[in-house]
N, C-alpha and C. Protein backbone atom coordinates (compact mmCIF):
# COMPACT_ATOMS: atom_id res chain seq x y z
N MET A 1 -6.73 23.37 -8.79
CA MET A 1 -6.07 22.59 -9.23
C MET A 1 -5.39 22.06 -7.71
N GLY A 2 -4.87 20.73 -7.69
CA GLY A 2 -4.12 20.55 -6.57
C GLY A 2 -3.57 18.85 -6.78
N ASN A 3 -2.86 18.47 -5.96
CA ASN A 3 -2.34 17.14 -6.12
C ASN A 3 -3.00 16.23 -4.91
N THR A 4 -3.01 14.96 -5.23
CA THR A 4 -3.49 13.94 -4.36
C THR A 4 -2.37 13.68 -3.33
N ARG A 5 -2.81 13.26 -2.56
CA ARG A 5 -2.00 12.18 -1.44
C ARG A 5 -2.17 10.63 -1.55
N ALA A 6 -1.01 9.79 -1.80
CA ALA A 6 -1.07 8.49 -2.41
C ALA A 6 -0.75 7.67 -0.67
N TRP A 7 -1.68 7.01 -0.46
CA TRP A 7 -1.22 6.03 0.67
C TRP A 7 -1.07 4.76 0.35
N PRO A 8 0.08 4.05 0.70
CA PRO A 8 0.52 2.65 0.37
C PRO A 8 -0.54 1.78 1.19
N VAL A 9 -1.31 0.94 0.75
CA VAL A 9 -2.13 -0.14 1.52
C VAL A 9 -1.53 -1.55 1.33
N LEU A 10 -0.92 -1.73 0.42
CA LEU A 10 -0.21 -3.22 0.32
C LEU A 10 1.17 -2.77 -0.42
N ARG A 11 2.00 -3.81 -0.02
CA ARG A 11 3.17 -4.07 -0.45
C ARG A 11 3.67 -5.69 -0.57
N THR A 12 3.58 -5.97 -1.83
CA THR A 12 3.88 -7.60 -2.01
C THR A 12 4.61 -7.88 -3.16
N THR A 13 5.38 -9.04 -3.44
CA THR A 13 5.74 -9.44 -4.46
C THR A 13 4.63 -10.39 -5.32
N ASN A 14 3.61 -10.48 -4.78
CA ASN A 14 2.50 -11.26 -5.50
C ASN A 14 1.67 -10.14 -6.29
N LEU A 15 1.95 -10.02 -7.83
CA LEU A 15 0.94 -9.10 -8.50
C LEU A 15 -0.41 -9.46 -8.21
N GLY A 16 -0.73 -10.95 -8.15
CA GLY A 16 -2.19 -11.21 -8.27
C GLY A 16 -2.99 -10.94 -6.78
N GLU A 17 -2.18 -10.59 -5.66
CA GLU A 17 -2.55 -10.28 -4.62
C GLU A 17 -2.98 -8.75 -4.46
N ALA A 18 -1.98 -8.05 -5.35
CA ALA A 18 -2.11 -6.63 -5.42
C ALA A 18 -3.55 -6.39 -6.45
N LEU A 19 -3.66 -7.16 -7.40
CA LEU A 19 -4.56 -6.98 -8.42
C LEU A 19 -5.99 -7.43 -7.60
N SER A 20 -5.91 -8.28 -6.79
CA SER A 20 -7.07 -8.63 -6.13
C SER A 20 -7.70 -7.61 -5.08
N LEU A 21 -6.41 -7.06 -4.21
CA LEU A 21 -6.91 -5.90 -3.68
C LEU A 21 -7.39 -4.71 -4.28
N ALA A 22 -6.83 -4.25 -5.34
CA ALA A 22 -7.20 -3.50 -6.25
C ALA A 22 -8.87 -3.56 -6.64
N GLU A 23 -8.90 -4.64 -7.01
CA GLU A 23 -10.26 -4.94 -7.42
C GLU A 23 -11.39 -4.77 -6.20
N ARG A 24 -10.96 -5.17 -5.18
CA ARG A 24 -11.77 -4.84 -3.92
C ARG A 24 -12.02 -3.59 -3.50
N LEU A 25 -11.12 -2.64 -3.47
CA LEU A 25 -11.19 -1.32 -3.38
C LEU A 25 -11.81 -0.43 -4.47
N LEU A 26 -11.95 -1.10 -5.80
CA LEU A 26 -12.82 -0.68 -6.82
C LEU A 26 -14.19 -0.62 -6.64
N SER A 27 -14.52 -1.86 -5.89
CA SER A 27 -15.66 -2.06 -5.65
C SER A 27 -16.65 -1.23 -4.41
N VAL A 28 -15.53 -0.55 -3.82
CA VAL A 28 -16.04 0.67 -2.69
C VAL A 28 -16.27 1.64 -3.32
N ALA A 29 -15.53 1.91 -4.56
CA ALA A 29 -15.98 3.41 -5.26
C ALA A 29 -17.16 3.29 -6.25
N SER A 30 -17.42 4.50 -6.49
CA SER A 30 -18.67 4.79 -7.73
C SER A 30 -17.92 5.30 -8.97
N TRP A 31 -18.24 4.86 -10.06
CA TRP A 31 -17.57 5.32 -11.45
C TRP A 31 -18.25 6.16 -12.32
N ARG A 32 -17.81 6.91 -13.06
CA ARG A 32 -18.02 7.88 -14.06
C ARG A 32 -17.66 7.14 -15.29
N ASP A 33 -16.39 6.79 -15.38
CA ASP A 33 -16.03 5.96 -16.50
C ASP A 33 -14.62 4.89 -16.31
N PRO A 34 -14.90 3.93 -16.44
CA PRO A 34 -14.14 2.61 -15.85
C PRO A 34 -12.83 2.51 -16.43
N THR A 35 -12.36 3.49 -17.45
CA THR A 35 -11.24 3.44 -17.91
C THR A 35 -9.74 3.47 -17.05
N SER A 36 -8.82 2.68 -17.19
CA SER A 36 -7.58 2.85 -16.39
C SER A 36 -6.46 3.13 -17.33
N PHE A 37 -5.38 3.72 -16.90
CA PHE A 37 -4.18 4.31 -17.56
C PHE A 37 -3.10 3.46 -16.89
N LEU A 38 -2.47 3.03 -18.18
CA LEU A 38 -0.82 2.28 -17.93
C LEU A 38 0.48 2.97 -18.41
N HIS A 39 1.27 2.92 -17.72
CA HIS A 39 2.44 3.61 -17.74
C HIS A 39 3.55 2.69 -17.58
N ALA A 40 4.47 2.39 -18.86
CA ALA A 40 5.66 1.51 -18.54
C ALA A 40 6.80 2.07 -19.64
N SER A 41 8.12 2.02 -19.46
CA SER A 41 9.29 2.12 -20.38
C SER A 41 9.77 1.27 -20.69
N ALA A 42 10.44 1.11 -22.13
CA ALA A 42 11.12 0.27 -22.73
C ALA A 42 12.32 0.68 -22.97
N SER A 43 13.36 -0.05 -22.77
CA SER A 43 14.92 0.23 -23.18
C SER A 43 15.35 -0.81 -24.16
N SER A 44 14.83 -1.73 -24.58
CA SER A 44 15.33 -2.63 -25.74
C SER A 44 14.35 -2.94 -26.80
N ASP A 45 14.75 -3.19 -28.18
CA ASP A 45 13.59 -3.47 -28.93
C ASP A 45 12.69 -4.67 -28.61
N ASP A 46 13.28 -5.74 -27.48
CA ASP A 46 12.70 -7.00 -27.27
C ASP A 46 11.88 -6.36 -26.20
N ASP A 47 11.94 -5.31 -25.21
CA ASP A 47 10.87 -5.05 -24.45
C ASP A 47 9.74 -4.17 -25.18
N LEU A 48 10.06 -3.56 -26.28
CA LEU A 48 9.22 -2.74 -26.99
C LEU A 48 8.40 -3.74 -27.66
N LEU A 49 8.64 -4.78 -28.29
CA LEU A 49 7.81 -5.86 -28.84
C LEU A 49 6.85 -6.35 -27.80
N ARG A 50 7.35 -6.87 -26.83
CA ARG A 50 6.52 -7.49 -25.82
C ARG A 50 5.45 -6.33 -25.23
N LEU A 51 5.90 -5.16 -24.92
CA LEU A 51 4.94 -4.10 -24.42
C LEU A 51 3.97 -3.75 -25.37
N THR A 52 4.25 -3.63 -26.74
CA THR A 52 3.44 -3.46 -27.79
C THR A 52 2.24 -4.63 -27.86
N ALA A 53 2.91 -5.79 -28.01
CA ALA A 53 1.72 -7.22 -27.97
C ALA A 53 0.76 -7.12 -26.77
N ALA A 54 1.33 -6.58 -25.74
CA ALA A 54 0.44 -6.55 -24.58
C ALA A 54 -0.69 -5.64 -24.62
N LEU A 55 -0.62 -4.61 -25.12
CA LEU A 55 -1.72 -3.57 -25.06
C LEU A 55 -1.62 -2.74 -26.59
N PRO A 56 -2.04 -3.55 -27.52
CA PRO A 56 -2.05 -2.68 -28.71
C PRO A 56 -2.62 -1.42 -28.45
N GLY A 57 -2.33 -0.42 -29.44
CA GLY A 57 -2.77 0.99 -29.43
C GLY A 57 -2.29 1.80 -28.42
N ALA A 58 -1.27 1.60 -27.61
CA ALA A 58 -0.52 2.16 -26.62
C ALA A 58 0.23 3.14 -27.26
N GLU A 59 0.28 4.45 -26.93
CA GLU A 59 0.94 5.37 -27.17
C GLU A 59 2.54 5.20 -26.95
N ILE A 60 3.19 5.43 -27.95
CA ILE A 60 4.81 5.43 -27.62
C ILE A 60 5.37 6.73 -28.00
N GLU A 61 6.26 7.08 -26.84
CA GLU A 61 6.99 8.25 -26.89
C GLU A 61 8.52 8.09 -26.62
N SER A 62 9.32 8.54 -27.71
CA SER A 62 10.48 8.49 -27.40
C SER A 62 11.16 9.33 -26.58
N ARG A 63 12.08 8.80 -25.62
CA ARG A 63 12.70 9.78 -24.84
C ARG A 63 14.45 9.55 -25.25
N GLY A 64 14.44 9.05 -26.65
CA GLY A 64 15.97 9.11 -26.95
C GLY A 64 16.61 10.39 -27.18
N LYS A 65 17.77 10.57 -27.85
CA LYS A 65 18.27 11.85 -27.97
C LYS A 65 17.60 12.44 -29.11
N GLY A 66 16.99 13.63 -29.00
CA GLY A 66 16.51 14.18 -30.04
C GLY A 66 15.01 13.56 -30.08
N GLY A 67 14.46 12.91 -29.24
CA GLY A 67 13.03 12.55 -29.32
C GLY A 67 13.18 11.52 -30.49
N VAL A 68 14.09 10.64 -30.57
CA VAL A 68 14.22 9.44 -31.65
C VAL A 68 14.81 8.37 -30.69
N GLY A 69 14.17 7.03 -31.09
CA GLY A 69 14.92 5.99 -30.66
C GLY A 69 14.41 5.41 -29.12
N LEU A 70 15.36 4.50 -28.52
CA LEU A 70 15.24 4.17 -27.37
C LEU A 70 15.87 4.97 -26.28
N PRO A 71 15.40 5.06 -25.17
CA PRO A 71 14.21 4.41 -24.38
C PRO A 71 13.00 5.02 -24.69
N VAL A 72 11.88 4.44 -24.68
CA VAL A 72 10.69 5.03 -25.09
C VAL A 72 9.53 4.94 -23.73
N SER A 73 8.48 5.54 -23.79
CA SER A 73 7.53 5.54 -22.87
C SER A 73 6.17 4.94 -23.54
N PHE A 74 5.49 4.01 -22.72
CA PHE A 74 4.28 3.55 -23.22
C PHE A 74 3.25 4.09 -22.51
N LEU A 75 1.97 4.66 -23.09
CA LEU A 75 0.95 5.08 -22.25
C LEU A 75 -0.30 4.62 -23.02
N GLY A 76 -0.85 3.54 -22.45
CA GLY A 76 -2.15 2.84 -22.92
C GLY A 76 -3.18 3.04 -21.74
N TYR A 77 -4.49 2.73 -22.25
CA TYR A 77 -5.58 2.70 -21.52
C TYR A 77 -6.44 1.49 -21.85
N ALA A 78 -7.17 0.98 -20.71
CA ALA A 78 -7.80 -0.35 -20.82
C ALA A 78 -9.23 0.23 -20.46
N ARG A 79 -10.18 -0.50 -20.97
CA ARG A 79 -11.66 -0.27 -20.78
C ARG A 79 -12.29 -1.34 -19.65
N THR A 80 -11.64 -2.18 -19.20
CA THR A 80 -11.93 -3.28 -18.12
C THR A 80 -10.87 -3.73 -17.28
N PHE A 81 -11.31 -4.33 -16.16
CA PHE A 81 -10.31 -4.42 -15.11
C PHE A 81 -9.52 -5.67 -15.60
N ALA A 82 -10.19 -6.59 -16.47
CA ALA A 82 -9.67 -7.94 -16.75
C ALA A 82 -8.42 -7.53 -17.83
N GLU A 83 -8.86 -6.56 -18.75
CA GLU A 83 -7.98 -6.14 -19.92
C GLU A 83 -6.75 -5.39 -18.94
N ALA A 84 -6.81 -4.54 -18.23
CA ALA A 84 -6.02 -4.00 -17.38
C ALA A 84 -5.15 -4.83 -16.62
N GLY A 85 -5.51 -5.85 -16.14
CA GLY A 85 -4.74 -6.81 -15.46
C GLY A 85 -3.93 -7.68 -16.24
N GLU A 86 -4.56 -8.02 -17.36
CA GLU A 86 -3.56 -8.96 -18.13
C GLU A 86 -2.49 -8.08 -18.90
N ALA A 87 -2.60 -6.91 -19.20
CA ALA A 87 -1.71 -6.32 -19.80
C ALA A 87 -0.79 -5.49 -18.68
N LEU A 88 -1.16 -5.53 -17.44
CA LEU A 88 -0.15 -5.19 -16.20
C LEU A 88 0.74 -6.65 -15.86
N ARG A 89 0.18 -7.46 -15.90
CA ARG A 89 0.87 -8.72 -15.69
C ARG A 89 2.05 -8.92 -16.95
N THR A 90 1.80 -8.62 -17.97
CA THR A 90 2.73 -8.59 -18.87
C THR A 90 3.88 -7.82 -18.76
N TRP A 91 3.35 -6.21 -18.68
CA TRP A 91 4.48 -5.25 -18.49
C TRP A 91 4.97 -5.69 -17.31
N ALA A 92 4.55 -6.15 -16.19
CA ALA A 92 5.21 -6.16 -15.02
C ALA A 92 6.54 -7.45 -15.11
N ASP A 93 6.46 -8.30 -16.11
CA ASP A 93 7.25 -9.18 -16.18
C ASP A 93 8.40 -8.65 -17.18
N VAL A 94 8.20 -7.36 -17.79
CA VAL A 94 9.30 -6.80 -18.82
C VAL A 94 9.99 -5.79 -18.09
N THR A 95 9.15 -4.92 -17.20
CA THR A 95 9.80 -3.49 -16.63
C THR A 95 9.01 -2.80 -15.36
N GLN A 96 9.42 -1.86 -14.98
CA GLN A 96 8.44 -1.26 -13.93
C GLN A 96 7.52 -0.54 -14.71
N CYS A 97 6.23 -0.32 -14.13
CA CYS A 97 5.21 -0.06 -14.76
C CYS A 97 4.24 0.36 -13.85
N TYR A 98 3.05 1.26 -14.11
CA TYR A 98 1.94 1.17 -13.23
C TYR A 98 0.72 1.65 -13.91
N LEU A 99 -0.48 1.14 -13.03
CA LEU A 99 -1.80 1.13 -13.62
C LEU A 99 -2.50 1.96 -12.49
N LEU A 100 -3.34 3.01 -13.21
CA LEU A 100 -4.12 4.07 -12.48
C LEU A 100 -5.39 3.94 -12.84
N TRP A 101 -6.32 3.93 -11.82
CA TRP A 101 -7.65 4.33 -12.18
C TRP A 101 -8.20 5.52 -11.61
N SER A 102 -8.75 6.25 -12.21
CA SER A 102 -9.18 7.64 -12.13
C SER A 102 -10.88 7.91 -12.38
N ASP A 103 -11.21 8.85 -12.31
CA ASP A 103 -12.73 9.50 -12.69
C ASP A 103 -13.38 8.24 -12.03
N MET A 104 -13.17 8.36 -10.73
CA MET A 104 -14.09 7.66 -9.95
C MET A 104 -14.42 8.41 -8.54
N LYS A 105 -15.37 7.93 -7.70
CA LYS A 105 -15.67 8.71 -6.42
C LYS A 105 -15.61 7.70 -5.49
N TRP A 106 -14.92 8.31 -4.21
CA TRP A 106 -14.93 7.60 -3.14
C TRP A 106 -16.30 7.91 -2.36
N PRO A 107 -16.88 7.03 -1.49
CA PRO A 107 -17.99 7.33 -0.87
C PRO A 107 -17.94 8.32 0.46
N ALA A 108 -19.03 8.88 0.72
CA ALA A 108 -18.98 9.72 2.04
C ALA A 108 -18.70 8.75 3.21
N VAL A 109 -18.13 9.26 4.08
CA VAL A 109 -18.07 8.74 5.49
C VAL A 109 -18.47 9.61 6.50
N PRO A 110 -19.40 9.69 6.85
CA PRO A 110 -20.24 10.69 7.55
C PRO A 110 -19.47 10.65 9.07
N GLU A 111 -19.22 9.41 9.37
CA GLU A 111 -18.73 9.24 11.01
C GLU A 111 -17.25 9.69 10.90
N LEU A 112 -16.85 10.11 9.88
CA LEU A 112 -15.23 10.72 10.00
C LEU A 112 -15.48 12.34 9.50
N GLY A 113 -16.55 12.83 9.05
CA GLY A 113 -17.12 14.02 8.71
C GLY A 113 -16.33 14.39 7.19
N LEU A 114 -16.38 13.21 6.73
CA LEU A 114 -16.05 13.30 5.14
C LEU A 114 -16.98 13.20 4.03
N GLY A 115 -17.35 14.03 3.19
CA GLY A 115 -18.04 14.02 2.19
C GLY A 115 -17.44 12.98 0.84
N GLU A 116 -18.31 13.03 -0.03
CA GLU A 116 -17.69 12.01 -1.26
C GLU A 116 -16.35 12.69 -1.78
N GLU A 117 -15.65 11.95 -2.48
CA GLU A 117 -14.45 12.72 -2.91
C GLU A 117 -14.55 12.14 -4.31
N TYR A 118 -14.55 12.77 -5.30
CA TYR A 118 -14.21 12.89 -6.64
C TYR A 118 -12.85 13.51 -7.17
N LYS A 119 -12.69 14.65 -7.13
CA LYS A 119 -11.61 15.23 -7.54
C LYS A 119 -10.30 14.62 -7.50
N TYR A 120 -9.86 14.07 -5.93
CA TYR A 120 -8.75 13.33 -5.68
C TYR A 120 -8.64 11.97 -5.50
N ALA A 121 -10.06 11.31 -6.01
CA ALA A 121 -10.01 9.71 -5.70
C ALA A 121 -9.27 8.99 -6.99
N GLU A 122 -8.31 8.28 -6.67
CA GLU A 122 -7.76 7.48 -7.54
C GLU A 122 -7.36 6.19 -7.01
N LEU A 123 -6.57 5.22 -7.82
CA LEU A 123 -6.29 4.07 -7.16
C LEU A 123 -5.24 3.40 -8.03
N GLU A 124 -4.13 2.83 -7.59
CA GLU A 124 -2.97 2.62 -8.31
C GLU A 124 -2.35 1.61 -7.89
N ILE A 125 -1.68 0.82 -8.83
CA ILE A 125 -0.51 -0.29 -8.93
C ILE A 125 0.57 0.05 -9.34
N ALA A 126 1.59 0.02 -8.35
CA ALA A 126 2.86 0.60 -8.92
C ALA A 126 3.82 -0.95 -9.01
N CYS A 127 4.24 -1.46 -10.14
CA CYS A 127 4.86 -2.67 -10.35
C CYS A 127 6.24 -2.72 -10.09
N HIS A 128 6.75 -3.22 -9.27
CA HIS A 128 8.18 -3.19 -9.13
C HIS A 128 8.86 -1.62 -8.56
N GLY A 129 8.16 -0.98 -7.90
CA GLY A 129 8.16 0.31 -7.33
C GLY A 129 7.69 0.62 -6.02
N SER A 130 8.31 1.17 -5.21
CA SER A 130 7.64 1.73 -3.98
C SER A 130 7.31 2.95 -3.86
N ASP A 131 7.37 3.72 -4.88
CA ASP A 131 6.80 5.06 -5.02
C ASP A 131 5.90 4.76 -6.30
N ILE A 132 4.78 6.08 -6.26
CA ILE A 132 4.11 6.26 -7.20
C ILE A 132 4.59 6.30 -8.53
N HIS A 133 5.92 6.86 -8.86
CA HIS A 133 6.44 7.06 -10.23
C HIS A 133 7.19 5.87 -10.43
N CYS A 134 7.36 4.92 -9.66
CA CYS A 134 8.30 3.85 -9.94
C CYS A 134 9.55 4.25 -10.77
N PHE A 135 10.28 4.99 -9.37
CA PHE A 135 11.43 5.62 -9.86
C PHE A 135 12.61 4.87 -9.35
N ASP A 136 12.48 4.04 -8.35
CA ASP A 136 13.45 2.99 -7.77
C ASP A 136 12.71 1.69 -8.06
N TRP A 137 13.88 0.69 -8.31
CA TRP A 137 13.44 -0.48 -8.49
C TRP A 137 13.07 -1.30 -7.04
N ALA A 138 12.10 -2.08 -7.09
CA ALA A 138 11.75 -2.84 -5.98
C ALA A 138 11.27 -4.17 -6.43
N ALA A 139 11.51 -5.09 -5.53
CA ALA A 139 10.90 -6.29 -5.72
C ALA A 139 9.56 -6.44 -5.60
N GLU A 140 8.86 -5.55 -4.81
CA GLU A 140 7.42 -5.50 -4.53
C GLU A 140 6.58 -4.74 -5.54
N HIS A 141 5.20 -4.93 -5.47
CA HIS A 141 4.36 -4.05 -6.07
C HIS A 141 3.40 -3.32 -4.77
N THR A 142 3.39 -2.36 -5.00
CA THR A 142 2.74 -1.55 -4.12
C THR A 142 1.27 -0.82 -4.57
N VAL A 143 0.15 -1.13 -3.75
CA VAL A 143 -0.84 -0.65 -4.08
C VAL A 143 -1.26 0.77 -3.20
N PHE A 144 -1.75 1.75 -3.81
CA PHE A 144 -1.74 3.06 -3.41
C PHE A 144 -3.14 3.43 -3.41
N VAL A 145 -3.88 4.09 -2.42
CA VAL A 145 -5.09 4.49 -2.37
C VAL A 145 -4.76 6.49 -2.45
N HIS A 146 -5.28 6.94 -3.40
CA HIS A 146 -4.98 8.29 -3.45
C HIS A 146 -6.19 9.42 -3.13
N SER A 147 -6.25 10.19 -2.36
CA SER A 147 -7.21 10.89 -2.03
C SER A 147 -6.88 12.51 -1.61
N ARG A 148 -7.66 13.12 -1.03
CA ARG A 148 -7.51 14.70 -0.97
C ARG A 148 -6.53 14.91 0.22
N PRO A 149 -5.49 15.80 0.13
CA PRO A 149 -4.44 15.99 0.94
C PRO A 149 -4.91 16.08 2.25
N GLY A 150 -4.57 15.53 3.51
CA GLY A 150 -4.83 15.56 4.86
C GLY A 150 -6.12 14.50 5.26
N ASP A 151 -6.61 13.79 4.07
CA ASP A 151 -7.58 12.88 4.38
C ASP A 151 -6.99 11.41 4.92
N ASP A 152 -6.20 11.49 5.73
CA ASP A 152 -5.60 10.24 6.21
C ASP A 152 -6.71 9.00 6.85
N ASP A 153 -7.57 9.65 7.31
CA ASP A 153 -8.48 8.86 7.91
C ASP A 153 -9.35 8.27 6.92
N ARG A 154 -9.63 8.88 5.66
CA ARG A 154 -10.32 8.17 4.13
C ARG A 154 -9.60 6.92 4.09
N ALA A 155 -8.27 7.44 3.82
CA ALA A 155 -7.43 6.12 3.35
C ALA A 155 -7.37 5.04 4.24
N ALA A 156 -7.50 5.10 5.40
CA ALA A 156 -7.28 3.87 6.22
C ALA A 156 -8.72 3.28 6.44
N TRP A 157 -9.69 4.51 6.37
CA TRP A 157 -11.05 3.87 6.27
C TRP A 157 -11.21 2.81 4.93
N LEU A 158 -10.94 3.34 3.79
CA LEU A 158 -11.05 2.34 2.44
C LEU A 158 -10.37 1.02 2.88
N ALA A 159 -9.01 1.28 3.19
CA ALA A 159 -8.31 0.08 3.13
C ALA A 159 -9.27 -0.87 4.22
N ALA A 160 -9.55 -0.46 5.32
CA ALA A 160 -10.54 -1.15 6.16
C ALA A 160 -11.61 -2.06 5.57
N GLN A 161 -12.06 -1.38 4.75
CA GLN A 161 -13.36 -1.88 4.32
C GLN A 161 -13.14 -3.18 3.22
N VAL A 162 -11.72 -3.29 2.90
CA VAL A 162 -11.37 -4.49 2.03
C VAL A 162 -10.46 -5.33 2.89
N GLY A 163 -10.48 -5.37 4.25
CA GLY A 163 -9.54 -6.05 4.83
C GLY A 163 -8.09 -5.71 4.91
N ALA A 164 -7.66 -4.64 4.79
CA ALA A 164 -6.16 -4.10 4.50
C ALA A 164 -6.01 -2.86 5.34
N GLY A 165 -4.83 -2.29 5.62
CA GLY A 165 -4.69 -1.37 6.44
C GLY A 165 -3.54 -0.24 5.44
N VAL A 166 -3.32 1.11 5.65
CA VAL A 166 -2.22 1.97 5.55
C VAL A 166 -0.90 1.19 5.90
N VAL A 167 0.07 0.98 5.05
CA VAL A 167 1.15 0.35 5.46
C VAL A 167 2.62 1.39 5.45
N GLY A 168 2.34 2.78 5.20
CA GLY A 168 3.56 3.59 5.16
C GLY A 168 2.82 4.99 5.14
N PRO A 169 3.58 5.94 5.22
CA PRO A 169 3.56 7.26 5.02
C PRO A 169 2.85 7.60 3.53
N PRO A 170 1.97 8.68 3.70
CA PRO A 170 1.82 9.12 2.21
C PRO A 170 2.89 9.90 1.61
N GLU A 171 2.50 10.11 0.12
CA GLU A 171 3.56 10.90 -0.58
C GLU A 171 2.55 11.56 -1.63
N PHE A 172 3.39 12.67 -2.15
CA PHE A 172 2.63 13.43 -2.90
C PHE A 172 2.23 12.76 -4.21
N GLY A 173 1.08 12.89 -4.47
CA GLY A 173 0.40 12.10 -5.64
C GLY A 173 0.47 13.26 -7.17
N TRP A 174 -0.44 12.58 -7.57
CA TRP A 174 -0.65 13.52 -8.94
C TRP A 174 -0.97 14.65 -8.98
């Protein structure tokens, strides 16, 4: 068991730009199962209705007093990139949220002495957050490449494959 390291490769206020970069990064990976995971929180009934409408079937878990009422966490899955992007756009208009792709494999990079990476390979868009958990509100959306701890070169190589670069230090991932 271990934790990923998450390297930010884009910070932008344009969610379309973040989704475009994520789609290009996903094209570098191989897939076992293209499912993506979305997480958001709701603090009002209006937020609850908007989040539910955007991704029917999402699991709702109360974080209210005694496990009842608001606020709630939303946990949802999307099978396609288009479905994930549409839900994320709606959710980002409502609250902080993130979209995480896992069950993928980063390719080997022989010139850097790196084999294929499955265990730690993930990609994330954090909406209105500068960290992977969206703890602190931010105007921008951040795209993170997750990989094995110490694989700084892999993160930079992956970003370079799609015309991007690492834009900040890594943080402890999932």
